Structures are given as C-alpha cells and as structure tokens.
Amino acid sequence: MAQPVIRSLMVLAAASILVAAASAPAHQGAARDRDEAEIRNVQTRQAAAWNGHDAKAYADLFTEDGDVVNVAGWWWKGRAEIESKLTAAFAYVFRESTLTITEVQVRFLSPELAVAHVRWTMAGAKTPPGIPEPREGIQTQTLRKTAGRWHIAAFQNTNAVPETPFPLAPPAGSLAPPPQR
C-alpha cells in the first residue's frame, strides 16, 4: 500500500516540476516582451523629444551618468552635459531638424541590460562646414533597467553610408604607396 502512494507522490512531484518548468519560460518570455516594448518606447520618446527640440526630455532618456558619442565623435558625459549640449544644438543647428526612427533591434544581455541598434534618418539639420551632416545612421545603445524603467547608459551614433565591397587591388594606374603604420 505504501508503494502506490509513494509512486503517486513521485508522479505528482514530476508533474509539478514539468508544469513549473513550462510556465517559467512563458513568464520570462512575457517579461522580455514587456521589456522590449519599453525599449522600443524609449526610441519613440527619443524621436518625440528630438522633434520637439526638447533637450531636457531627450536627456531624461539617459541614466544620470549616461554617455553620448555623437556622429561628429564628440563625447558628452552625464545627463546634465547631454541636456546642455543639445540645448545649444537646438538653438540653431537642429532647430528645424526632424528625426525618424526606421528600425530597432534589441538584444538582451541580462534581464537588466540590453543593446539596441537603432536606424534613423534626419532632415533639416544645418551643420557648419567641416561637420558631417546627419542624414541617416545607426545608433548603438546600451540600456539599463533600474527600478523597472529602461534608460540609455551609453550611446554611439554613426552616420551610415551604403555598404560596398572592399576593393581587391588598388585602382589601375594608381601609384599610391601603401599606408604607413
């Protein structure tokens, strides 16, 4: 009589483990879907803040110690500097600019860390000579979740050009010396 009870308990325990294992990934998947939706919402808010020329709202997308490296290679450190630099930029250079987010790809490094690659286009920038005009590019963002909210911790922005194959040899008739190191 004891063996059937033990066997029933073992079957019940195994079934409980299977149910728990099956429901854990579903919860993890649902949480991941919510996190990805929030990261995508950060990108929607980025475009809205930029297009409203609201430097404070844009800077608030970042962690307090967040970093930005912009398309010109300028490194801004911390939310306060990001806001200050964008306030100056929105005064003239980007006053009439429009940012459009065209693609967002998210990869989670952990439940609290993610990398987003964000493709964008821009119109209306008035960059001075010697500074590349931002027309389209890719942002690489490292995002951190703190207290249930996602913020950008590090941001690298790059102008994009269409990819072309690397040449297999120098152009015919080229006498250019090899690069020196």
N, C-alpha and C. Protein backbone atom coordinates (compact mmCIF):
# COMPACT_ATOMS: atom_id res chain seq x y z
N MET A 1 0.82 -1.19 0.00
CA MET A 1 0.00 0.00 0.00
C MET A 1 0.86 1.25 0.00
N ALA A 2 2.00 1.23 0.64
CA ALA A 2 2.87 2.40 0.72
C ALA A 2 3.49 2.71 -0.63
N GLN A 3 3.82 1.65 -1.41
CA GLN A 3 4.45 1.88 -2.71
C GLN A 3 3.54 2.63 -3.68
N PRO A 4 2.25 2.30 -3.80
CA PRO A 4 1.39 3.08 -4.70
C PRO A 4 1.29 4.54 -4.27
N VAL A 5 1.28 4.80 -2.98
CA VAL A 5 1.21 6.18 -2.50
C VAL A 5 2.49 6.91 -2.86
N ILE A 6 3.64 6.27 -2.63
CA ILE A 6 4.93 6.87 -2.97
C ILE A 6 5.01 7.11 -4.47
N ARG A 7 4.56 6.10 -5.24
CA ARG A 7 4.58 6.25 -6.71
C ARG A 7 3.67 7.40 -7.14
N SER A 8 2.52 7.54 -6.55
CA SER A 8 1.60 8.64 -6.87
C SER A 8 2.21 9.98 -6.51
N LEU A 9 2.88 10.04 -5.36
CA LEU A 9 3.54 11.28 -4.95
C LEU A 9 4.67 11.63 -5.92
N MET A 10 5.40 10.61 -6.37
CA MET A 10 6.50 10.86 -7.32
C MET A 10 5.95 11.38 -8.65
N VAL A 11 4.85 10.78 -9.11
CA VAL A 11 4.23 11.24 -10.36
C VAL A 11 3.73 12.67 -10.19
N LEU A 12 3.10 12.95 -9.06
CA LEU A 12 2.61 14.30 -8.78
C LEU A 12 3.76 15.30 -8.72
N ALA A 13 4.86 14.93 -8.07
CA ALA A 13 6.02 15.81 -7.98
C ALA A 13 6.61 16.05 -9.37
N ALA A 14 6.73 14.99 -10.17
CA ALA A 14 7.27 15.15 -11.53
C ALA A 14 6.35 16.04 -12.36
N ALA A 15 5.05 15.87 -12.23
CA ALA A 15 4.11 16.70 -12.98
C ALA A 15 4.22 18.16 -12.53
N SER A 16 4.39 18.39 -11.24
CA SER A 16 4.55 19.76 -10.73
C SER A 16 5.81 20.42 -11.28
N ILE A 17 6.89 19.65 -11.34
CA ILE A 17 8.14 20.18 -11.89
C ILE A 17 7.97 20.54 -13.36
N LEU A 18 7.29 19.66 -14.12
CA LEU A 18 7.06 19.94 -15.54
C LEU A 18 6.19 21.17 -15.74
N VAL A 19 5.16 21.31 -14.93
CA VAL A 19 4.29 22.49 -15.04
C VAL A 19 5.07 23.75 -14.69
N ALA A 20 5.86 23.70 -13.63
CA ALA A 20 6.67 24.86 -13.24
C ALA A 20 7.68 25.20 -14.32
N ALA A 21 8.31 24.20 -14.87
CA ALA A 21 9.31 24.45 -15.93
C ALA A 21 8.64 25.01 -17.17
N ALA A 22 7.46 24.53 -17.50
CA ALA A 22 6.77 25.02 -18.69
C ALA A 22 6.28 26.45 -18.49
N SER A 23 5.85 26.79 -17.29
CA SER A 23 5.33 28.15 -17.08
C SER A 23 6.44 29.17 -16.86
N ALA A 24 7.62 28.76 -16.41
CA ALA A 24 8.72 29.71 -16.19
C ALA A 24 9.14 30.40 -17.48
N PRO A 25 9.40 29.66 -18.57
CA PRO A 25 9.77 30.36 -19.80
C PRO A 25 8.66 31.26 -20.32
N ALA A 26 7.40 30.87 -20.12
CA ALA A 26 6.30 31.71 -20.57
C ALA A 26 6.32 33.04 -19.82
N HIS A 27 6.56 32.99 -18.52
CA HIS A 27 6.66 34.24 -17.75
C HIS A 27 7.89 35.03 -18.19
N GLN A 28 9.01 34.34 -18.36
CA GLN A 28 10.22 35.02 -18.81
C GLN A 28 9.99 35.65 -20.18
N GLY A 29 9.33 34.94 -21.06
CA GLY A 29 9.03 35.48 -22.38
C GLY A 29 8.12 36.69 -22.31
N ALA A 30 7.11 36.64 -21.44
CA ALA A 30 6.20 37.78 -21.29
C ALA A 30 6.94 38.99 -20.72
N ALA A 31 7.82 38.74 -19.74
CA ALA A 31 8.61 39.83 -19.17
C ALA A 31 9.54 40.41 -20.22
N ARG A 32 10.14 39.55 -20.99
CA ARG A 32 11.05 40.02 -22.05
C ARG A 32 10.28 40.82 -23.09
N ASP A 33 9.09 40.38 -23.44
CA ASP A 33 8.27 41.13 -24.40
C ASP A 33 7.93 42.52 -23.87
N ARG A 34 7.59 42.61 -22.56
CA ARG A 34 7.30 43.92 -21.95
C ARG A 34 8.55 44.80 -21.97
N ASP A 35 9.70 44.20 -21.65
CA ASP A 35 10.95 44.98 -21.66
C ASP A 35 11.29 45.45 -23.06
N GLU A 36 11.13 44.59 -24.04
CA GLU A 36 11.41 45.02 -25.41
C GLU A 36 10.46 46.13 -25.84
N ALA A 37 9.20 46.02 -25.46
CA ALA A 37 8.24 47.07 -25.80
C ALA A 37 8.64 48.39 -25.13
N GLU A 38 9.13 48.34 -23.90
CA GLU A 38 9.57 49.56 -23.21
C GLU A 38 10.80 50.15 -23.89
N ILE A 39 11.73 49.31 -24.32
CA ILE A 39 12.92 49.81 -25.03
C ILE A 39 12.51 50.45 -26.35
N ARG A 40 11.56 49.85 -27.04
CA ARG A 40 11.05 50.45 -28.27
C ARG A 40 10.35 51.78 -27.96
N ASN A 41 9.70 51.85 -26.81
CA ASN A 41 9.06 53.09 -26.39
C ASN A 41 10.11 54.17 -26.10
N VAL A 42 11.27 53.78 -25.57
CA VAL A 42 12.37 54.74 -25.38
C VAL A 42 12.72 55.37 -26.73
N GLN A 43 12.71 54.57 -27.79
CA GLN A 43 13.05 55.09 -29.12
C GLN A 43 11.96 56.02 -29.64
N THR A 44 10.71 55.69 -29.37
CA THR A 44 9.61 56.57 -29.76
C THR A 44 9.72 57.90 -29.02
N ARG A 45 10.05 57.84 -27.72
CA ARG A 45 10.22 59.06 -26.93
C ARG A 45 11.45 59.84 -27.40
N GLN A 46 12.49 59.13 -27.86
CA GLN A 46 13.67 59.81 -28.39
C GLN A 46 13.27 60.69 -29.59
N ALA A 47 12.54 60.11 -30.54
CA ALA A 47 12.13 60.87 -31.72
C ALA A 47 11.21 62.03 -31.32
N ALA A 48 10.30 61.79 -30.39
CA ALA A 48 9.38 62.86 -29.97
C ALA A 48 10.14 64.01 -29.30
N ALA A 49 11.09 63.67 -28.43
CA ALA A 49 11.87 64.72 -27.76
C ALA A 49 12.71 65.49 -28.77
N TRP A 50 13.35 64.76 -29.69
CA TRP A 50 14.17 65.43 -30.71
C TRP A 50 13.31 66.34 -31.56
N ASN A 51 12.20 65.81 -32.06
CA ASN A 51 11.36 66.58 -32.97
C ASN A 51 10.66 67.74 -32.26
N GLY A 52 10.52 67.66 -30.95
CA GLY A 52 10.00 68.79 -30.16
C GLY A 52 11.11 69.73 -29.73
N HIS A 53 12.35 69.38 -30.11
CA HIS A 53 13.54 70.16 -29.76
C HIS A 53 13.60 70.43 -28.25
N ASP A 54 13.31 69.36 -27.50
CA ASP A 54 13.23 69.40 -26.05
C ASP A 54 14.45 68.69 -25.47
N ALA A 55 15.50 69.45 -25.20
CA ALA A 55 16.76 68.89 -24.72
C ALA A 55 16.59 68.18 -23.38
N LYS A 56 15.75 68.70 -22.49
CA LYS A 56 15.55 68.06 -21.18
C LYS A 56 14.89 66.70 -21.35
N ALA A 57 13.82 66.63 -22.15
CA ALA A 57 13.14 65.34 -22.36
C ALA A 57 14.08 64.34 -23.01
N TYR A 58 14.92 64.80 -23.93
CA TYR A 58 15.88 63.92 -24.58
C TYR A 58 16.90 63.41 -23.57
N ALA A 59 17.46 64.31 -22.77
CA ALA A 59 18.46 63.92 -21.77
C ALA A 59 17.87 62.98 -20.73
N ASP A 60 16.58 63.13 -20.43
CA ASP A 60 15.93 62.27 -19.44
C ASP A 60 15.81 60.82 -19.90
N LEU A 61 16.09 60.54 -21.17
CA LEU A 61 16.11 59.16 -21.66
C LEU A 61 17.35 58.41 -21.17
N PHE A 62 18.32 59.14 -20.64
CA PHE A 62 19.61 58.58 -20.25
C PHE A 62 19.69 58.37 -18.75
N THR A 63 20.57 57.45 -18.34
CA THR A 63 20.89 57.33 -16.93
C THR A 63 21.59 58.62 -16.51
N GLU A 64 21.63 58.88 -15.23
CA GLU A 64 22.27 60.10 -14.73
C GLU A 64 23.71 60.23 -15.23
N ASP A 65 24.41 59.09 -15.32
CA ASP A 65 25.81 59.09 -15.76
C ASP A 65 25.96 58.61 -17.22
N GLY A 66 24.87 58.68 -17.99
CA GLY A 66 24.90 58.21 -19.38
C GLY A 66 25.88 58.98 -20.24
N ASP A 67 26.38 58.31 -21.25
CA ASP A 67 27.33 58.89 -22.20
C ASP A 67 26.74 58.92 -23.60
N VAL A 68 27.11 59.96 -24.36
CA VAL A 68 26.75 60.07 -25.78
C VAL A 68 28.03 60.32 -26.56
N VAL A 69 28.23 59.54 -27.62
CA VAL A 69 29.22 59.89 -28.63
C VAL A 69 28.40 60.13 -29.89
N ASN A 70 28.41 61.40 -30.36
CA ASN A 70 27.55 61.75 -31.49
C ASN A 70 28.24 61.47 -32.82
N VAL A 71 27.56 61.79 -33.93
CA VAL A 71 28.09 61.47 -35.26
C VAL A 71 29.38 62.21 -35.58
N ALA A 72 29.65 63.31 -34.89
CA ALA A 72 30.90 64.04 -35.10
C ALA A 72 32.03 63.49 -34.23
N GLY A 73 31.70 62.54 -33.34
CA GLY A 73 32.70 61.98 -32.45
C GLY A 73 32.87 62.75 -31.16
N TRP A 74 31.96 63.64 -30.85
CA TRP A 74 32.02 64.42 -29.62
C TRP A 74 31.45 63.58 -28.48
N TRP A 75 32.13 63.55 -27.36
CA TRP A 75 31.76 62.71 -26.23
C TRP A 75 31.17 63.56 -25.13
N TRP A 76 29.89 63.34 -24.84
CA TRP A 76 29.20 64.08 -23.79
C TRP A 76 28.96 63.12 -22.63
N LYS A 77 29.31 63.57 -21.42
CA LYS A 77 29.29 62.69 -20.26
C LYS A 77 28.28 63.18 -19.23
N GLY A 78 27.29 62.37 -19.01
CA GLY A 78 26.29 62.67 -17.99
C GLY A 78 25.07 63.38 -18.55
N ARG A 79 23.95 63.16 -17.88
CA ARG A 79 22.66 63.72 -18.31
C ARG A 79 22.71 65.24 -18.40
N ALA A 80 23.36 65.90 -17.44
CA ALA A 80 23.40 67.37 -17.43
C ALA A 80 24.14 67.90 -18.66
N GLU A 81 25.26 67.28 -19.02
CA GLU A 81 26.01 67.75 -20.19
C GLU A 81 25.24 67.45 -21.48
N ILE A 82 24.58 66.30 -21.54
CA ILE A 82 23.77 65.97 -22.72
C ILE A 82 22.70 67.05 -22.92
N GLU A 83 22.02 67.41 -21.84
CA GLU A 83 20.98 68.45 -21.93
C GLU A 83 21.57 69.79 -22.35
N SER A 84 22.69 70.17 -21.77
CA SER A 84 23.33 71.45 -22.09
C SER A 84 23.75 71.51 -23.55
N LYS A 85 24.41 70.47 -24.03
CA LYS A 85 24.89 70.45 -25.42
C LYS A 85 23.72 70.45 -26.40
N LEU A 86 22.68 69.69 -26.10
CA LEU A 86 21.53 69.67 -27.00
C LEU A 86 20.75 70.98 -26.97
N THR A 87 20.71 71.64 -25.83
CA THR A 87 20.07 72.96 -25.77
C THR A 87 20.75 73.90 -26.76
N ALA A 88 22.08 73.89 -26.76
CA ALA A 88 22.84 74.72 -27.70
C ALA A 88 22.60 74.26 -29.14
N ALA A 89 22.56 72.96 -29.37
CA ALA A 89 22.37 72.44 -30.73
C ALA A 89 20.98 72.77 -31.28
N PHE A 90 19.96 72.72 -30.41
CA PHE A 90 18.60 73.02 -30.85
C PHE A 90 18.39 74.51 -31.11
N ALA A 91 19.28 75.37 -30.63
CA ALA A 91 19.14 76.81 -30.85
C ALA A 91 19.25 77.16 -32.33
N TYR A 92 20.08 76.45 -33.07
CA TYR A 92 20.21 76.75 -34.50
C TYR A 92 20.40 75.49 -35.35
N VAL A 93 21.47 74.74 -35.10
CA VAL A 93 21.86 73.63 -35.99
C VAL A 93 20.71 72.64 -36.18
N PHE A 94 20.03 72.27 -35.11
CA PHE A 94 18.97 71.26 -35.20
C PHE A 94 17.57 71.84 -34.96
N ARG A 95 17.45 73.17 -35.01
CA ARG A 95 16.18 73.84 -34.70
C ARG A 95 15.05 73.36 -35.60
N GLU A 96 15.34 73.08 -36.87
CA GLU A 96 14.30 72.64 -37.81
C GLU A 96 14.45 71.18 -38.21
N SER A 97 15.25 70.44 -37.48
CA SER A 97 15.51 69.05 -37.85
C SER A 97 14.38 68.13 -37.40
N THR A 98 14.25 67.05 -38.15
CA THR A 98 13.27 66.02 -37.85
C THR A 98 13.98 64.67 -37.84
N LEU A 99 13.84 63.94 -36.75
CA LEU A 99 14.42 62.60 -36.59
C LEU A 99 13.33 61.57 -36.78
N THR A 100 13.61 60.57 -37.61
CA THR A 100 12.69 59.46 -37.82
C THR A 100 13.42 58.17 -37.48
N ILE A 101 12.86 57.40 -36.58
CA ILE A 101 13.41 56.08 -36.25
C ILE A 101 12.82 55.09 -37.27
N THR A 102 13.69 54.37 -37.97
CA THR A 102 13.22 53.48 -39.03
C THR A 102 13.31 52.00 -38.68
N GLU A 103 14.15 51.66 -37.69
CA GLU A 103 14.30 50.25 -37.31
C GLU A 103 14.92 50.17 -35.93
N VAL A 104 14.45 49.22 -35.14
CA VAL A 104 15.01 48.99 -33.80
C VAL A 104 15.20 47.48 -33.64
N GLN A 105 16.42 47.08 -33.32
CA GLN A 105 16.69 45.68 -32.99
C GLN A 105 17.24 45.65 -31.57
N VAL A 106 16.69 44.77 -30.75
CA VAL A 106 17.04 44.68 -29.33
C VAL A 106 17.61 43.31 -29.04
N ARG A 107 18.71 43.29 -28.28
CA ARG A 107 19.30 42.04 -27.80
C ARG A 107 19.55 42.20 -26.30
N PHE A 108 19.02 41.26 -25.52
CA PHE A 108 19.18 41.31 -24.07
C PHE A 108 20.48 40.62 -23.67
N LEU A 109 21.27 41.31 -22.84
CA LEU A 109 22.48 40.74 -22.28
C LEU A 109 22.19 40.10 -20.93
N SER A 110 21.19 40.62 -20.25
CA SER A 110 20.70 40.10 -18.97
C SER A 110 19.30 40.70 -18.80
N PRO A 111 18.57 40.32 -17.76
CA PRO A 111 17.25 40.94 -17.58
C PRO A 111 17.31 42.45 -17.35
N GLU A 112 18.47 42.98 -16.95
CA GLU A 112 18.59 44.42 -16.69
C GLU A 112 19.46 45.16 -17.69
N LEU A 113 20.04 44.48 -18.66
CA LEU A 113 20.92 45.11 -19.66
C LEU A 113 20.53 44.68 -21.06
N ALA A 114 20.53 45.64 -21.98
CA ALA A 114 20.19 45.33 -23.36
C ALA A 114 21.01 46.22 -24.29
N VAL A 115 21.20 45.73 -25.50
CA VAL A 115 21.81 46.51 -26.56
C VAL A 115 20.75 46.71 -27.63
N ALA A 116 20.61 47.96 -28.07
CA ALA A 116 19.68 48.26 -29.15
C ALA A 116 20.47 48.89 -30.30
N HIS A 117 20.20 48.43 -31.49
CA HIS A 117 20.71 49.07 -32.70
C HIS A 117 19.52 49.78 -33.33
N VAL A 118 19.67 51.08 -33.52
CA VAL A 118 18.56 51.93 -33.93
C VAL A 118 18.94 52.65 -35.22
N ARG A 119 18.24 52.32 -36.30
CA ARG A 119 18.44 53.03 -37.57
C ARG A 119 17.56 54.27 -37.58
N TRP A 120 18.10 55.34 -38.16
CA TRP A 120 17.39 56.62 -38.16
C TRP A 120 17.67 57.37 -39.46
N THR A 121 16.79 58.33 -39.75
CA THR A 121 17.02 59.32 -40.80
C THR A 121 16.74 60.68 -40.20
N MET A 122 17.36 61.70 -40.82
CA MET A 122 17.17 63.07 -40.34
C MET A 122 17.08 64.02 -41.53
N ALA A 123 16.24 65.00 -41.38
CA ALA A 123 16.13 66.08 -42.38
C ALA A 123 16.16 67.40 -41.62
N GLY A 124 16.66 68.44 -42.30
CA GLY A 124 16.58 69.79 -41.75
C GLY A 124 17.73 70.24 -40.89
N ALA A 125 18.78 69.44 -40.73
CA ALA A 125 19.93 69.88 -39.93
C ALA A 125 20.73 70.91 -40.72
N LYS A 126 21.32 71.89 -40.02
CA LYS A 126 22.12 72.95 -40.64
C LYS A 126 23.53 72.91 -40.05
N THR A 127 24.27 71.87 -40.40
CA THR A 127 25.60 71.72 -39.82
C THR A 127 26.59 72.66 -40.50
N PRO A 128 27.52 73.20 -39.71
CA PRO A 128 28.54 74.08 -40.28
C PRO A 128 29.54 73.28 -41.12
N PRO A 129 30.30 73.96 -41.99
CA PRO A 129 31.31 73.27 -42.78
C PRO A 129 32.29 72.51 -41.89
N GLY A 130 32.68 71.33 -42.37
CA GLY A 130 33.63 70.51 -41.62
C GLY A 130 32.99 69.54 -40.65
N ILE A 131 31.69 69.66 -40.44
CA ILE A 131 30.98 68.72 -39.56
C ILE A 131 30.04 67.90 -40.44
N PRO A 132 30.10 66.57 -40.33
CA PRO A 132 29.25 65.75 -41.19
C PRO A 132 27.77 66.01 -40.96
N GLU A 133 27.03 66.11 -42.04
CA GLU A 133 25.59 66.32 -41.94
C GLU A 133 24.91 64.99 -41.63
N PRO A 134 24.14 64.94 -40.56
CA PRO A 134 23.45 63.69 -40.24
C PRO A 134 22.20 63.52 -41.11
N ARG A 135 22.24 62.54 -41.99
CA ARG A 135 21.08 62.24 -42.85
C ARG A 135 20.48 60.88 -42.54
N GLU A 136 21.34 59.91 -42.31
CA GLU A 136 20.88 58.59 -41.87
C GLU A 136 22.02 57.91 -41.15
N GLY A 137 21.66 57.05 -40.23
CA GLY A 137 22.71 56.39 -39.47
C GLY A 137 22.18 55.30 -38.58
N ILE A 138 23.08 54.87 -37.69
CA ILE A 138 22.78 53.80 -36.75
C ILE A 138 23.29 54.22 -35.38
N GLN A 139 22.45 54.08 -34.39
CA GLN A 139 22.85 54.28 -33.00
C GLN A 139 23.05 52.90 -32.38
N THR A 140 24.10 52.76 -31.60
CA THR A 140 24.26 51.59 -30.75
C THR A 140 24.05 52.08 -29.33
N GLN A 141 23.05 51.52 -28.68
CA GLN A 141 22.69 51.94 -27.33
C GLN A 141 22.84 50.76 -26.36
N THR A 142 23.45 51.03 -25.22
CA THR A 142 23.41 50.08 -24.11
C THR A 142 22.40 50.65 -23.13
N LEU A 143 21.38 49.85 -22.84
CA LEU A 143 20.31 50.30 -21.95
C LEU A 143 20.34 49.50 -20.66
N ARG A 144 20.00 50.19 -19.56
CA ARG A 144 19.98 49.56 -18.25
C ARG A 144 18.60 49.76 -17.63
N LYS A 145 18.09 48.68 -17.05
CA LYS A 145 16.80 48.73 -16.36
C LYS A 145 17.05 48.93 -14.87
N THR A 146 16.51 50.02 -14.35
CA THR A 146 16.63 50.33 -12.93
C THR A 146 15.25 50.71 -12.41
N ALA A 147 14.87 50.12 -11.32
CA ALA A 147 13.56 50.42 -10.71
C ALA A 147 12.43 50.27 -11.73
N GLY A 148 12.56 49.24 -12.59
CA GLY A 148 11.50 48.93 -13.55
C GLY A 148 11.47 49.79 -14.80
N ARG A 149 12.43 50.71 -14.96
CA ARG A 149 12.45 51.61 -16.13
C ARG A 149 13.75 51.45 -16.89
N TRP A 150 13.66 51.53 -18.22
CA TRP A 150 14.82 51.43 -19.09
C TRP A 150 15.34 52.82 -19.43
N HIS A 151 16.65 53.00 -19.30
CA HIS A 151 17.32 54.24 -19.68
C HIS A 151 18.58 53.89 -20.47
N ILE A 152 18.99 54.81 -21.31
CA ILE A 152 20.21 54.62 -22.10
C ILE A 152 21.41 54.94 -21.22
N ALA A 153 22.33 53.99 -21.12
CA ALA A 153 23.55 54.20 -20.32
C ALA A 153 24.71 54.64 -21.21
N ALA A 154 24.75 54.14 -22.43
CA ALA A 154 25.81 54.52 -23.38
C ALA A 154 25.21 54.54 -24.78
N PHE A 155 25.67 55.51 -25.59
CA PHE A 155 25.03 55.80 -26.88
C PHE A 155 26.13 56.18 -27.86
N GLN A 156 26.26 55.43 -28.94
CA GLN A 156 27.21 55.73 -30.01
C GLN A 156 26.39 55.95 -31.27
N ASN A 157 26.54 57.11 -31.90
CA ASN A 157 25.78 57.45 -33.09
C ASN A 157 26.74 57.53 -34.28
N THR A 158 26.37 56.92 -35.37
CA THR A 158 27.24 56.86 -36.54
C THR A 158 26.44 57.18 -37.79
N ASN A 159 26.99 58.08 -38.62
CA ASN A 159 26.39 58.28 -39.94
C ASN A 159 26.58 57.00 -40.74
N ALA A 160 25.61 56.68 -41.57
CA ALA A 160 25.68 55.46 -42.37
C ALA A 160 25.83 55.81 -43.84
N VAL A 161 26.59 55.01 -44.53
CA VAL A 161 26.70 55.07 -45.98
C VAL A 161 26.41 53.67 -46.50
N PRO A 162 25.91 53.55 -47.72
CA PRO A 162 25.63 52.22 -48.24
C PRO A 162 26.92 51.38 -48.27
N GLU A 163 26.79 50.13 -47.87
CA GLU A 163 27.95 49.24 -47.87
C GLU A 163 28.30 48.85 -49.31
N THR A 164 29.58 48.88 -49.60
CA THR A 164 30.09 48.46 -50.91
C THR A 164 31.20 47.45 -50.68
N PRO A 165 31.47 46.60 -51.67
CA PRO A 165 32.54 45.61 -51.48
C PRO A 165 33.90 46.30 -51.35
N PHE A 166 34.78 45.69 -50.57
CA PHE A 166 36.15 46.19 -50.46
C PHE A 166 36.87 45.91 -51.78
N PRO A 167 37.70 46.86 -52.26
CA PRO A 167 38.46 46.58 -53.47
C PRO A 167 39.47 45.46 -53.22
N LEU A 168 39.71 44.67 -54.24
CA LEU A 168 40.65 43.57 -54.13
C LEU A 168 42.07 43.99 -54.49
N ALA A 169 42.19 45.16 -55.11
CA ALA A 169 43.50 45.68 -55.51
C ALA A 169 43.36 47.18 -55.68
N PRO A 170 44.50 47.91 -55.75
CA PRO A 170 44.41 49.35 -55.99
C PRO A 170 43.87 49.61 -57.39
N PRO A 171 43.28 50.78 -57.60
CA PRO A 171 42.77 51.11 -58.93
C PRO A 171 43.92 51.07 -59.96
N ALA A 172 43.59 50.68 -61.18
CA ALA A 172 44.60 50.61 -62.25
C ALA A 172 45.30 51.96 -62.40
N GLY A 173 46.62 51.93 -62.51
CA GLY A 173 47.40 53.13 -62.71
C GLY A 173 47.66 53.89 -61.43
N SER A 174 47.20 53.38 -60.30
CA SER A 174 47.40 54.07 -59.03
C SER A 174 48.84 53.84 -58.56
N LEU A 175 49.50 54.89 -58.20
CA LEU A 175 50.86 54.79 -57.67
C LEU A 175 50.88 55.11 -56.18
N ALA A 176 49.73 55.08 -55.56
CA ALA A 176 49.66 55.43 -54.14
C ALA A 176 50.46 54.41 -53.33
N PRO A 177 51.33 54.90 -52.47
CA PRO A 177 52.10 53.97 -51.63
C PRO A 177 51.20 53.31 -50.59
N PRO A 178 51.59 52.16 -50.08
CA PRO A 178 50.79 51.53 -49.04
C PRO A 178 50.78 52.40 -47.78
N PRO A 179 49.71 52.33 -47.00
CA PRO A 179 49.64 53.15 -45.78
C PRO A 179 50.76 52.79 -44.81
N GLN A 180 51.32 53.80 -44.15
CA GLN A 180 52.38 53.60 -43.17
C GLN A 180 51.77 53.43 -41.79
N ARG A 181 52.38 52.61 -40.99
CA ARG A 181 51.89 52.42 -39.61
C ARG A 181 52.90 52.91 -38.63
